[in-house]
Amino acid sequence: MTVVFSVFFLQQVEATAGQTPFGGFSILVINCDISRNHWIIQTPVAGPTNIIYQDGISQLYEYGNIKKAGNWLLGNVSVKVPCWKEIGGDPVHLGDFPVITIVGTSDPSKVARSGQTGADDSGDEDGPEPRPDDEETTSNESSDNTRPTGPGSETPAENGRSEAEVRAELEANGVEVAPGLSPTLSPVSKLPNNAIAGVEDLKEDCGPNCDVMITSGARQPGNPTAPGEHGTGKPVFDLNKDPGPGGLDEYIVNNASSNYADRAGTHYVMPNGDEYLDENYGVTGGTGAHWHVRINADHMPPTTA
């Protein structure tokens, strides 16, 4: 369908030299309350995926729907500026992204994408509510579109070994399985081989002070929280929190190559593409504080010689 922008605005975009044009559909807007700007994640037709709207710098044209997700955007960006947000009482730097200089948005009464309308009746400035990882998701939900495509993006076959064999291997490599974790409702044997290798490599690289315990595996039908992102053949599982000095929490935070936050929590992406979501922040209806892990489909050890 045709998205209508004013002719005057299109001329302004074309006439601006020395800046990068962008255009796309906004799928998530995060209020960076400390830096007083908004981090916008778009499905780009052109330009960067991550951009910043800064009051006082970004010039807004019609139709003005910049602080809510679900609209087509068109404009120019310039230099990078930071997004700082308070999370759990602490200031967190979520990243530096190109700042919008001029932008126009679509008319919400005329735009639709994948069955969605541009209108957002939630009254929430930050756009649609991303769901906790333990809930079912439809293909239209915006939160899935914000995640990196590498971690957990493929579903290799399960590893083909018995539950006892996989648990014995994990134990031999220093990885615990939570006492009482059901071998039928949340088995580790139905995790793919790259997931098993990923958690074993994590333990080896993290060291003897790390307490690495699987608290949820490949959830099966009948599990009260099944399946969410967990399931047979998916490199997705949960780990315990380990906040002690030199522990797992410290290792993940210190070794991540990048991080970003949404309402499910803070996501830490490792250099090899493995992703760890700290669900200790902002989760409602979840399963308590834990690390929700997505191992890269092409997992390599966290460090190499």
C-alpha atoms as a PDB file:
ATOM      1  CA  MET A   1       0.000   0.000   0.000  1.00  0.00           C
ATOM      2  CA  THR A   2       1.088   3.590  -0.515  1.00  0.00           C
ATOM      3  CA  VAL A   3       2.235   5.535   2.544  1.00  0.00           C
ATOM      4  CA  VAL A   4       1.516   9.231   2.144  1.00  0.00           C
ATOM      5  CA  PHE A   5       4.033  11.876   3.243  1.00  0.00           C
ATOM      6  CA  SER A   6       3.680  15.538   2.387  1.00  0.00           C
ATOM      7  CA  VAL A   7       5.386  16.752  -0.792  1.00  0.00           C
ATOM      8  CA  PHE A   8       7.077  19.526   1.186  1.00  0.00           C
ATOM      9  CA  PHE A   9       8.598  17.033   3.605  1.00  0.00           C
ATOM     10  CA  LEU A  10       9.872  14.776   0.806  1.00  0.00           C
ATOM     11  CA  GLN A  11      11.597  17.795  -0.713  1.00  0.00           C
ATOM     12  CA  GLN A  12      13.212  18.581   2.645  1.00  0.00           C
ATOM     13  CA  VAL A  13      14.642  15.055   2.915  1.00  0.00           C
ATOM     14  CA  GLU A  14      16.016  15.168  -0.624  1.00  0.00           C
ATOM     15  CA  ALA A  15      17.549  18.612  -0.130  1.00  0.00           C
ATOM     16  CA  THR A  16      19.535  17.850   3.057  1.00  0.00           C
ATOM     17  CA  ALA A  17      23.216  17.259   2.283  1.00  0.00           C
ATOM     18  CA  GLY A  18      25.798  15.520   4.454  1.00  0.00           C
ATOM     19  CA  GLN A  19      23.277  13.315   6.257  1.00  0.00           C
ATOM     20  CA  THR A  20      22.095   9.742   5.865  1.00  0.00           C
ATOM     21  CA  PRO A  21      18.506   9.136   4.734  1.00  0.00           C
ATOM     22  CA  PHE A  22      16.496   6.408   6.424  1.00  0.00           C
ATOM     23  CA  GLY A  23      13.062   4.898   6.118  1.00  0.00           C
ATOM     24  CA  GLY A  24      11.193   1.958   7.588  1.00  0.00           C
ATOM     25  CA  PHE A  25       8.522   0.708   9.959  1.00  0.00           C
ATOM     26  CA  SER A  26       8.987   1.329  13.698  1.00  0.00           C
ATOM     27  CA  ILE A  27       8.646  -1.870  15.743  1.00  0.00           C
ATOM     28  CA  LEU A  28       9.800  -0.692  19.187  1.00  0.00           C
ATOM     29  CA  VAL A  29      10.300   2.654  20.933  1.00  0.00           C
ATOM     30  CA  ILE A  30      12.259   2.799  24.192  1.00  0.00           C
ATOM     31  CA  ASN A  31      12.153   5.882  26.410  1.00  0.00           C
ATOM     32  CA  CYS A  32      15.745   6.692  27.404  1.00  0.00           C
ATOM     33  CA  ASP A  33      14.714   8.605  30.493  1.00  0.00           C
ATOM     34  CA  ILE A  34      18.168   9.707  31.655  1.00  0.00           C
ATOM     35  CA  SER A  35      19.414  11.028  28.300  1.00  0.00           C
ATOM     36  CA  ARG A  36      15.909  12.365  27.571  1.00  0.00           C
ATOM     37  CA  ASN A  37      15.555  10.878  24.124  1.00  0.00           C
ATOM     38  CA  HIS A  38      13.897   7.885  22.479  1.00  0.00           C
ATOM     39  CA  TRP A  39      15.609   4.852  20.953  1.00  0.00           C
ATOM     40  CA  ILE A  40      13.617   3.704  17.914  1.00  0.00           C
ATOM     41  CA  ILE A  41      14.092   0.275  16.363  1.00  0.00           C
ATOM     42  CA  GLN A  42      12.792   0.047  12.816  1.00  0.00           C
ATOM     43  CA  THR A  43      12.527  -2.589  10.144  1.00  0.00           C
ATOM     44  CA  PRO A  44      14.531  -0.585   7.657  1.00  0.00           C
ATOM     45  CA  VAL A  45      13.827  -0.072   4.002  1.00  0.00           C
ATOM     46  CA  ALA A  46      16.863   2.199   3.976  1.00  0.00           C
ATOM     47  CA  GLY A  47      19.346   3.408   6.560  1.00  0.00           C
ATOM     48  CA  PRO A  48      20.131   2.110  10.064  1.00  0.00           C
ATOM     49  CA  THR A  49      17.941  -0.168  12.183  1.00  0.00           C
ATOM     50  CA  ASN A  50      18.578   1.774  15.409  1.00  0.00           C
ATOM     51  CA  ILE A  51      18.008   5.520  15.543  1.00  0.00           C
ATOM     52  CA  ILE A  52      17.462   8.193  18.213  1.00  0.00           C
ATOM     53  CA  TYR A  53      14.747  10.847  18.365  1.00  0.00           C
ATOM     54  CA  GLN A  54      16.034  13.784  20.439  1.00  0.00           C
ATOM     55  CA  ASP A  55      13.689  16.597  21.449  1.00  0.00           C
ATOM     56  CA  GLY A  56      15.299  19.918  20.584  1.00  0.00           C
ATOM     57  CA  ILE A  57      17.464  18.398  17.851  1.00  0.00           C
ATOM     58  CA  SER A  58      15.140  16.225  15.769  1.00  0.00           C
ATOM     59  CA  GLN A  59      12.704  18.259  13.654  1.00  0.00           C
ATOM     60  CA  LEU A  60       9.342  16.503  13.481  1.00  0.00           C
ATOM     61  CA  TYR A  61       7.020  16.809  10.501  1.00  0.00           C
ATOM     62  CA  GLU A  62       3.561  15.366   9.983  1.00  0.00           C
ATOM     63  CA  TYR A  63       2.014  13.212  11.153  1.00  0.00           C
ATOM     64  CA  GLY A  64       3.961  13.443  14.377  1.00  0.00           C
ATOM     65  CA  ASN A  65       3.649   9.788  15.478  1.00  0.00           C
ATOM     66  CA  ILE A  66       7.284   9.340  16.449  1.00  0.00           C
ATOM     67  CA  LYS A  67       7.095   8.135  20.071  1.00  0.00           C
ATOM     68  CA  LYS A  68       4.810   5.165  19.422  1.00  0.00           C
ATOM     69  CA  ALA A  69       5.684   2.029  17.501  1.00  0.00           C
ATOM     70  CA  GLY A  70       3.654   0.934  14.501  1.00  0.00           C
ATOM     71  CA  ASN A  71       4.303   3.760  12.035  1.00  0.00           C
ATOM     72  CA  TRP A  72       6.232   4.262   8.826  1.00  0.00           C
ATOM     73  CA  LEU A  73       9.142   6.699   9.193  1.00  0.00           C
ATOM     74  CA  LEU A  74      11.128   8.729   6.674  1.00  0.00           C
ATOM     75  CA  GLY A  75      13.926  11.173   7.377  1.00  0.00           C
ATOM     76  CA  ASN A  76      17.638  11.828   7.832  1.00  0.00           C
ATOM     77  CA  VAL A  77      20.104  10.954  10.580  1.00  0.00           C
ATOM     78  CA  SER A  78      23.458  12.423  11.550  1.00  0.00           C
ATOM     79  CA  VAL A  79      26.021  11.741  14.296  1.00  0.00           C
ATOM     80  CA  LYS A  80      25.549   9.142  17.055  1.00  0.00           C
ATOM     81  CA  VAL A  81      24.226  10.092  20.501  1.00  0.00           C
ATOM     82  CA  PRO A  82      23.837   7.906  23.609  1.00  0.00           C
ATOM     83  CA  CYS A  83      20.745   6.296  25.090  1.00  0.00           C
ATOM     84  CA  TRP A  84      20.887   6.144  28.900  1.00  0.00           C
ATOM     85  CA  LYS A  85      18.062   4.524  30.874  1.00  0.00           C
ATOM     86  CA  GLU A  86      17.471   3.843  34.554  1.00  0.00           C
ATOM     87  CA  ILE A  87      17.163   0.088  35.122  1.00  0.00           C
ATOM     88  CA  GLY A  88      16.753  -1.306  38.615  1.00  0.00           C
ATOM     89  CA  GLY A  89      17.726   2.058  40.105  1.00  0.00           C
ATOM     90  CA  ASP A  90      21.010   2.251  38.170  1.00  0.00           C
ATOM     91  CA  PRO A  91      21.911   4.237  35.033  1.00  0.00           C
ATOM     92  CA  VAL A  92      22.539   1.877  32.117  1.00  0.00           C
ATOM     93  CA  HIS A  93      24.124   2.850  28.800  1.00  0.00           C
ATOM     94  CA  LEU A  94      22.093   1.020  26.132  1.00  0.00           C
ATOM     95  CA  GLY A  95      24.197   2.184  23.205  1.00  0.00           C
ATOM     96  CA  ASP A  96      25.016   5.038  20.825  1.00  0.00           C
ATOM     97  CA  PHE A  97      22.853   5.448  17.726  1.00  0.00           C
ATOM     98  CA  PRO A  98      22.476   8.005  14.890  1.00  0.00           C
ATOM     99  CA  VAL A  99      20.336  10.963  15.890  1.00  0.00           C
ATOM    100  CA  ILE A 100      17.407  11.994  13.701  1.00  0.00           C
ATOM    101  CA  THR A 101      17.682  15.459  12.223  1.00  0.00           C
ATOM    102  CA  ILE A 102      14.341  15.495  10.386  1.00  0.00           C
ATOM    103  CA  VAL A 103      11.579  12.918  10.319  1.00  0.00           C
ATOM    104  CA  GLY A 104       8.054  12.496   9.086  1.00  0.00           C
ATOM    105  CA  THR A 105       5.651   9.704   9.998  1.00  0.00           C
ATOM    106  CA  SER A 106       2.735   8.013   8.322  1.00  0.00           C
ATOM    107  CA  ASP A 107      -0.899   8.818   9.002  1.00  0.00           C
ATOM    108  CA  PRO A 108      -2.003   6.139  11.542  1.00  0.00           C
ATOM    109  CA  SER A 109      -5.458   6.018  10.008  1.00  0.00           C
ATOM    110  CA  LYS A 110      -3.975   4.869   6.695  1.00  0.00           C
ATOM    111  CA  VAL A 111      -1.107   2.542   7.606  1.00  0.00           C
ATOM    112  CA  ALA A 112      -1.127  -1.204   8.193  1.00  0.00           C
ATOM    113  CA  ARG A 113       1.566  -3.856   8.339  1.00  0.00           C
ATOM    114  CA  SER A 114       1.158  -7.624   8.826  1.00  0.00           C
ATOM    115  CA  GLY A 115      -2.364  -7.156  10.097  1.00  0.00           C
ATOM    116  CA  GLN A 116      -1.413  -4.358  12.510  1.00  0.00           C
ATOM    117  CA  THR A 117      -2.755  -0.823  12.458  1.00  0.00           C
ATOM    118  CA  GLY A 118      -0.649   2.186  13.226  1.00  0.00           C
ATOM    119  CA  ALA A 119      -2.912   3.165  16.093  1.00  0.00           C
ATOM    120  CA  ASP A 120      -1.732   2.340  19.613  1.00  0.00           C
ATOM    121  CA  ASP A 121      -4.489   2.538  22.200  1.00  0.00           C
ATOM    122  CA  SER A 122      -2.322   1.455  25.116  1.00  0.00           C
ATOM    123  CA  GLY A 123      -1.432   5.005  26.054  1.00  0.00           C
ATOM    124  CA  ASP A 124       2.152   3.806  26.542  1.00  0.00           C
ATOM    125  CA  GLU A 125       4.727   6.164  25.099  1.00  0.00           C
ATOM    126  CA  ASP A 126       7.152   3.307  24.630  1.00  0.00           C
ATOM    127  CA  GLY A 127       4.984   1.378  22.174  1.00  0.00           C
ATOM    128  CA  PRO A 128       3.664  -2.176  22.314  1.00  0.00           C
ATOM    129  CA  GLU A 129       4.362  -4.226  25.426  1.00  0.00           C
ATOM    130  CA  PRO A 130       6.932  -6.935  24.673  1.00  0.00           C
ATOM    131  CA  ARG A 131       5.917 -10.264  26.176  1.00  0.00           C
ATOM    132  CA  PRO A 132       7.922 -12.200  28.745  1.00  0.00           C
ATOM    133  CA  ASP A 133       9.875 -15.005  27.116  1.00  0.00           C
ATOM    134  CA  ASP A 134       7.688 -17.694  28.697  1.00  0.00           C
ATOM    135  CA  GLU A 135       4.522 -16.662  26.855  1.00  0.00           C
ATOM    136  CA  GLU A 136       3.394 -17.740  23.408  1.00  0.00           C
ATOM    137  CA  THR A 137       4.069 -15.240  20.631  1.00  0.00           C
ATOM    138  CA  THR A 138       2.431 -14.670  17.283  1.00  0.00           C
ATOM    139  CA  SER A 139       4.417 -13.710  14.213  1.00  0.00           C
ATOM    140  CA  ASN A 140       2.912 -10.221  14.377  1.00  0.00           C
ATOM    141  CA  GLU A 141       4.316  -9.308  17.785  1.00  0.00           C
ATOM    142  CA  SER A 142       6.946  -6.633  17.591  1.00  0.00           C
ATOM    143  CA  SER A 143       9.186  -7.980  20.367  1.00  0.00           C
ATOM    144  CA  ASP A 144      10.372 -10.960  18.316  1.00  0.00           C
ATOM    145  CA  ASN A 145      11.469  -8.619  15.519  1.00  0.00           C
ATOM    146  CA  THR A 146      13.868  -6.740  17.813  1.00  0.00           C
ATOM    147  CA  ARG A 147      15.947  -9.726  18.712  1.00  0.00           C
ATOM    148  CA  PRO A 148      19.202 -10.633  16.970  1.00  0.00           C
ATOM    149  CA  THR A 149      18.698 -13.198  14.252  1.00  0.00           C
ATOM    150  CA  GLY A 150      21.665 -15.353  15.252  1.00  0.00           C
ATOM    151  CA  PRO A 151      20.947 -16.730  18.757  1.00  0.00           C
ATOM    152  CA  GLY A 152      18.287 -19.428  18.674  1.00  0.00           C
ATOM    153  CA  SER A 153      17.284 -18.534  15.144  1.00  0.00           C
ATOM    154  CA  GLU A 154      17.499 -22.140  13.926  1.00  0.00           C
ATOM    155  CA  THR A 155      16.213 -25.364  15.411  1.00  0.00           C
ATOM    156  CA  PRO A 156      18.714 -28.192  14.949  1.00  0.00           C
ATOM    157  CA  ALA A 157      17.592 -31.724  15.687  1.00  0.00           C
ATOM    158  CA  GLU A 158      17.642 -32.907  19.298  1.00  0.00           C
ATOM    159  CA  ASN A 159      20.852 -34.653  20.291  1.00  0.00           C
ATOM    160  CA  GLY A 160      19.476 -38.235  20.241  1.00  0.00           C
ATOM    161  CA  ARG A 161      20.935 -39.318  23.594  1.00  0.00           C
ATOM    162  CA  SER A 162      19.121 -40.430  26.729  1.00  0.00           C
ATOM    163  CA  GLU A 163      18.333 -38.034  29.567  1.00  0.00           C
ATOM    164  CA  ALA A 164      20.725 -39.909  31.877  1.00  0.00           C
ATOM    165  CA  GLU A 165      23.557 -39.706  29.336  1.00  0.00           C
ATOM    166  CA  VAL A 166      23.184 -35.969  28.787  1.00  0.00           C
ATOM    167  CA  ARG A 167      22.892 -35.221  32.505  1.00  0.00           C
ATOM    168  CA  ALA A 168      26.002 -37.300  33.195  1.00  0.00           C
ATOM    169  CA  GLU A 169      27.959 -35.411  30.518  1.00  0.00           C
ATOM    170  CA  LEU A 170      26.821 -32.047  31.885  1.00  0.00           C
ATOM    171  CA  GLU A 171      27.808 -33.039  35.416  1.00  0.00           C
ATOM    172  CA  ALA A 172      31.225 -34.217  34.221  1.00  0.00           C
ATOM    173  CA  ASN A 173      31.758 -30.767  32.715  1.00  0.00           C
ATOM    174  CA  GLY A 174      30.731 -28.886  35.846  1.00  0.00           C
ATOM    175  CA  VAL A 175      27.188 -27.992  34.759  1.00  0.00           C
ATOM    176  CA  GLU A 176      24.433 -28.788  37.235  1.00  0.00           C
ATOM    177  CA  VAL A 177      20.830 -29.637  36.478  1.00  0.00           C
ATOM    178  CA  ALA A 178      18.406 -28.205  39.010  1.00  0.00           C
ATOM    179  CA  PRO A 179      17.150 -30.762  41.533  1.00  0.00           C
ATOM    180  CA  GLY A 180      13.580 -31.634  40.720  1.00  0.00           C
ATOM    181  CA  LEU A 181      13.797 -30.540  37.069  1.00  0.00           C
ATOM    182  CA  SER A 182      11.451 -32.976  35.363  1.00  0.00           C
ATOM    183  CA  PRO A 183      13.158 -35.291  32.838  1.00  0.00           C
ATOM    184  CA  THR A 184       9.852 -35.638  30.994  1.00  0.00           C
ATOM    185  CA  LEU A 185       8.406 -32.092  31.150  1.00  0.00           C
ATOM    186  CA  SER A 186      11.676 -30.145  30.824  1.00  0.00           C
ATOM    187  CA  PRO A 187      14.340 -32.580  29.565  1.00  0.00           C
ATOM    188  CA  VAL A 188      17.888 -31.569  28.717  1.00  0.00           C
ATOM    189  CA  SER A 189      18.142 -34.527  26.329  1.00  0.00           C
ATOM    190  CA  LYS A 190      15.864 -32.769  23.853  1.00  0.00           C
ATOM    191  CA  LEU A 191      18.164 -29.763  23.623  1.00  0.00           C
ATOM    192  CA  PRO A 192      20.285 -29.753  20.445  1.00  0.00           C
ATOM    193  CA  ASN A 193      23.991 -30.499  20.563  1.00  0.00           C
ATOM    194  CA  ASN A 194      25.010 -26.856  20.110  1.00  0.00           C
ATOM    195  CA  ALA A 195      23.039 -25.952  23.248  1.00  0.00           C
ATOM    196  CA  ILE A 196      24.819 -28.629  25.279  1.00  0.00           C
ATOM    197  CA  ALA A 197      28.176 -27.517  23.894  1.00  0.00           C
ATOM    198  CA  GLY A 198      27.285 -23.886  24.582  1.00  0.00           C
ATOM    199  CA  VAL A 199      26.561 -24.340  28.287  1.00  0.00           C
ATOM    200  CA  GLU A 200      29.623 -26.571  28.762  1.00  0.00           C
ATOM    201  CA  ASP A 201      31.846 -23.987  27.051  1.00  0.00           C
ATOM    202  CA  LEU A 202      30.292 -21.282  29.236  1.00  0.00           C
ATOM    203  CA  LYS A 203      31.205 -23.177  32.406  1.00  0.00           C
ATOM    204  CA  GLU A 204      34.747 -23.863  31.212  1.00  0.00           C
ATOM    205  CA  ASP A 205      35.383 -20.265  30.228  1.00  0.00           C
ATOM    206  CA  CYS A 206      33.715 -18.783  33.298  1.00  0.00           C
ATOM    207  CA  GLY A 207      35.826 -20.831  35.673  1.00  0.00           C
ATOM    208  CA  PRO A 208      35.519 -22.662  38.994  1.00  0.00           C
ATOM    209  CA  ASN A 209      33.775 -19.802  40.824  1.00  0.00           C
ATOM    210  CA  CYS A 210      30.831 -19.872  38.403  1.00  0.00           C
ATOM    211  CA  ASP A 211      27.708 -21.695  39.522  1.00  0.00           C
ATOM    212  CA  VAL A 212      26.103 -22.850  36.257  1.00  0.00           C
ATOM    213  CA  MET A 213      22.804 -24.672  36.751  1.00  0.00           C
ATOM    214  CA  ILE A 214      20.153 -25.431  34.128  1.00  0.00           C
ATOM    215  CA  THR A 215      16.762 -24.581  35.622  1.00  0.00           C
ATOM    216  CA  SER A 216      14.638 -25.172  32.507  1.00  0.00           C
ATOM    217  CA  GLY A 217      15.335 -27.263  29.419  1.00  0.00           C
ATOM    218  CA  ALA A 218      13.318 -28.217  26.340  1.00  0.00           C
ATOM    219  CA  ARG A 219       9.815 -27.793  27.740  1.00  0.00           C
ATOM    220  CA  GLN A 220       7.263 -30.366  26.634  1.00  0.00           C
ATOM    221  CA  PRO A 221       3.451 -30.403  26.382  1.00  0.00           C
ATOM    222  CA  GLY A 222       2.057 -30.644  29.871  1.00  0.00           C
ATOM    223  CA  ASN A 223       4.656 -28.300  31.333  1.00  0.00           C
ATOM    224  CA  PRO A 224       2.738 -25.384  32.969  1.00  0.00           C
ATOM    225  CA  THR A 225       4.974 -22.860  31.168  1.00  0.00           C
ATOM    226  CA  ALA A 226       5.396 -24.760  27.866  1.00  0.00           C
ATOM    227  CA  PRO A 227       6.580 -24.069  25.410  1.00  0.00           C
ATOM    228  CA  GLY A 228       7.339 -20.349  25.020  1.00  0.00           C
ATOM    229  CA  GLU A 229      10.669 -20.191  23.217  1.00  0.00           C
ATOM    230  CA  HIS A 230      11.737 -23.459  24.833  1.00  0.00           C
ATOM    231  CA  GLY A 231      11.082 -26.748  23.060  1.00  0.00           C
ATOM    232  CA  THR A 232      12.498 -29.831  21.401  1.00  0.00           C
ATOM    233  CA  GLY A 233      15.479 -29.056  19.166  1.00  0.00           C
ATOM    234  CA  LYS A 234      15.662 -25.401  20.204  1.00  0.00           C
ATOM    235  CA  PRO A 235      18.973 -24.096  21.623  1.00  0.00           C
ATOM    236  CA  VAL A 236      17.111 -22.245  24.381  1.00  0.00           C
ATOM    237  CA  PHE A 237      17.235 -22.928  28.120  1.00  0.00           C
ATOM    238  CA  ASP A 238      17.293 -21.157  31.492  1.00  0.00           C
ATOM    239  CA  LEU A 239      20.161 -20.826  33.963  1.00  0.00           C
ATOM    240  CA  ASN A 240      20.258 -19.778  37.603  1.00  0.00           C
ATOM    241  CA  LYS A 241      21.363 -16.319  38.714  1.00  0.00           C
ATOM    242  CA  ASP A 242      24.806 -16.320  40.370  1.00  0.00           C
ATOM    243  CA  PRO A 243      25.544 -12.827  41.716  1.00  0.00           C
ATOM    244  CA  GLY A 244      28.653 -13.626  43.802  1.00  0.00           C
ATOM    245  CA  PRO A 245      32.134 -12.210  43.094  1.00  0.00           C
ATOM    246  CA  GLY A 246      33.571 -13.919  40.024  1.00  0.00           C
ATOM    247  CA  GLY A 247      30.243 -15.622  39.450  1.00  0.00           C
ATOM    248  CA  LEU A 248      28.155 -16.216  36.358  1.00  0.00           C
ATOM    249  CA  ASP A 249      26.352 -12.861  36.450  1.00  0.00           C
ATOM    250  CA  GLU A 250      29.615 -10.944  36.567  1.00  0.00           C
ATOM    251  CA  TYR A 251      31.113 -13.037  33.779  1.00  0.00           C
ATOM    252  CA  ILE A 252      28.204 -12.469  31.399  1.00  0.00           C
ATOM    253  CA  VAL A 253      28.016  -8.719  32.002  1.00  0.00           C
ATOM    254  CA  ASN A 254      31.784  -8.207  31.715  1.00  0.00           C
ATOM    255  CA  ASN A 255      32.260 -10.321  28.582  1.00  0.00           C
ATOM    256  CA  ALA A 256      29.284  -9.244  26.482  1.00  0.00           C
ATOM    257  CA  SER A 257      30.161  -7.379  23.297  1.00  0.00           C
ATOM    258  CA  SER A 258      26.858  -5.486  23.339  1.00  0.00           C
ATOM    259  CA  ASN A 259      23.644  -5.197  25.293  1.00  0.00           C
ATOM    260  CA  TYR A 260      20.172  -3.762  24.936  1.00  0.00           C
ATOM    261  CA  ALA A 261      17.076  -3.610  27.104  1.00  0.00           C
ATOM    262  CA  ASP A 262      13.372  -4.127  26.681  1.00  0.00           C
ATOM    263  CA  ARG A 263      10.631  -4.910  29.149  1.00  0.00           C
ATOM    264  CA  ALA A 264      11.641  -8.542  29.366  1.00  0.00           C
ATOM    265  CA  GLY A 265      14.985  -7.421  30.798  1.00  0.00           C
ATOM    266  CA  THR A 266      18.511  -6.676  29.672  1.00  0.00           C
ATOM    267  CA  HIS A 267      19.951  -8.760  26.820  1.00  0.00           C
ATOM    268  CA  TYR A 268      23.713  -9.440  26.764  1.00  0.00           C
ATOM    269  CA  VAL A 269      25.098 -10.599  23.416  1.00  0.00           C
ATOM    270  CA  MET A 270      28.464 -12.384  23.483  1.00  0.00           C
ATOM    271  CA  PRO A 271      31.117 -12.045  20.742  1.00  0.00           C
ATOM    272  CA  ASN A 272      30.200 -15.519  19.431  1.00  0.00           C
ATOM    273  CA  GLY A 273      26.507 -14.574  19.108  1.00  0.00           C
ATOM    274  CA  ASP A 274      25.184 -16.393  22.184  1.00  0.00           C
ATOM    275  CA  GLU A 275      22.613 -14.267  24.020  1.00  0.00           C
ATOM    276  CA  TYR A 276      21.797 -14.074  27.724  1.00  0.00           C
ATOM    277  CA  LEU A 277      18.622 -12.301  28.842  1.00  0.00           C
ATOM    278  CA  ASP A 278      18.610 -11.188  32.478  1.00  0.00           C
ATOM    279  CA  GLU A 279      14.962 -11.571  33.392  1.00  0.00           C
ATOM    280  CA  ASN A 280      15.448  -9.960  36.766  1.00  0.00           C
ATOM    281  CA  TYR A 281      13.979  -6.701  35.457  1.00  0.00           C
ATOM    282  CA  GLY A 282      10.441  -5.785  34.525  1.00  0.00           C
ATOM    283  CA  VAL A 283       9.025  -9.302  34.143  1.00  0.00           C
ATOM    284  CA  THR A 284       5.388  -9.937  34.995  1.00  0.00           C
ATOM    285  CA  GLY A 285       3.988 -13.415  34.985  1.00  0.00           C
ATOM    286  CA  GLY A 286       7.413 -14.967  34.427  1.00  0.00           C
ATOM    287  CA  THR A 287       9.200 -17.735  36.310  1.00  0.00           C
ATOM    288  CA  GLY A 288      11.355 -15.606  38.601  1.00  0.00           C
ATOM    289  CA  ALA A 289      14.827 -14.143  38.201  1.00  0.00           C
ATOM    290  CA  HIS A 290      17.009 -16.212  35.876  1.00  0.00           C
ATOM    291  CA  TRP A 291      19.144 -16.125  32.741  1.00  0.00           C
ATOM    292  CA  HIS A 292      17.169 -16.963  29.594  1.00  0.00           C
ATOM    293  CA  VAL A 293      19.783 -18.279  27.158  1.00  0.00           C
ATOM    294  CA  ARG A 294      19.759 -18.544  23.368  1.00  0.00           C
ATOM    295  CA  ILE A 295      22.793 -20.326  21.966  1.00  0.00           C
ATOM    296  CA  ASN A 296      23.885 -19.330  18.485  1.00  0.00           C
ATOM    297  CA  ALA A 297      22.945 -21.936  15.879  1.00  0.00           C
ATOM    298  CA  ASP A 298      26.583 -21.900  14.751  1.00  0.00           C
ATOM    299  CA  HIS A 299      27.972 -21.889  18.279  1.00  0.00           C
ATOM    300  CA  MET A 300      31.687 -21.446  18.775  1.00  0.00           C
ATOM    301  CA  PRO A 301      33.340 -21.447  22.216  1.00  0.00           C
ATOM    302  CA  PRO A 302      33.271 -18.045  23.978  1.00  0.00           C
ATOM    303  CA  THR A 303      37.064 -17.765  23.744  1.00  0.00           C
ATOM    304  CA  THR A 304      39.479 -19.290  21.254  1.00  0.00           C
ATOM    305  CA  ALA A 305      43.187 -19.831  21.402  1.00  0.00           C
END
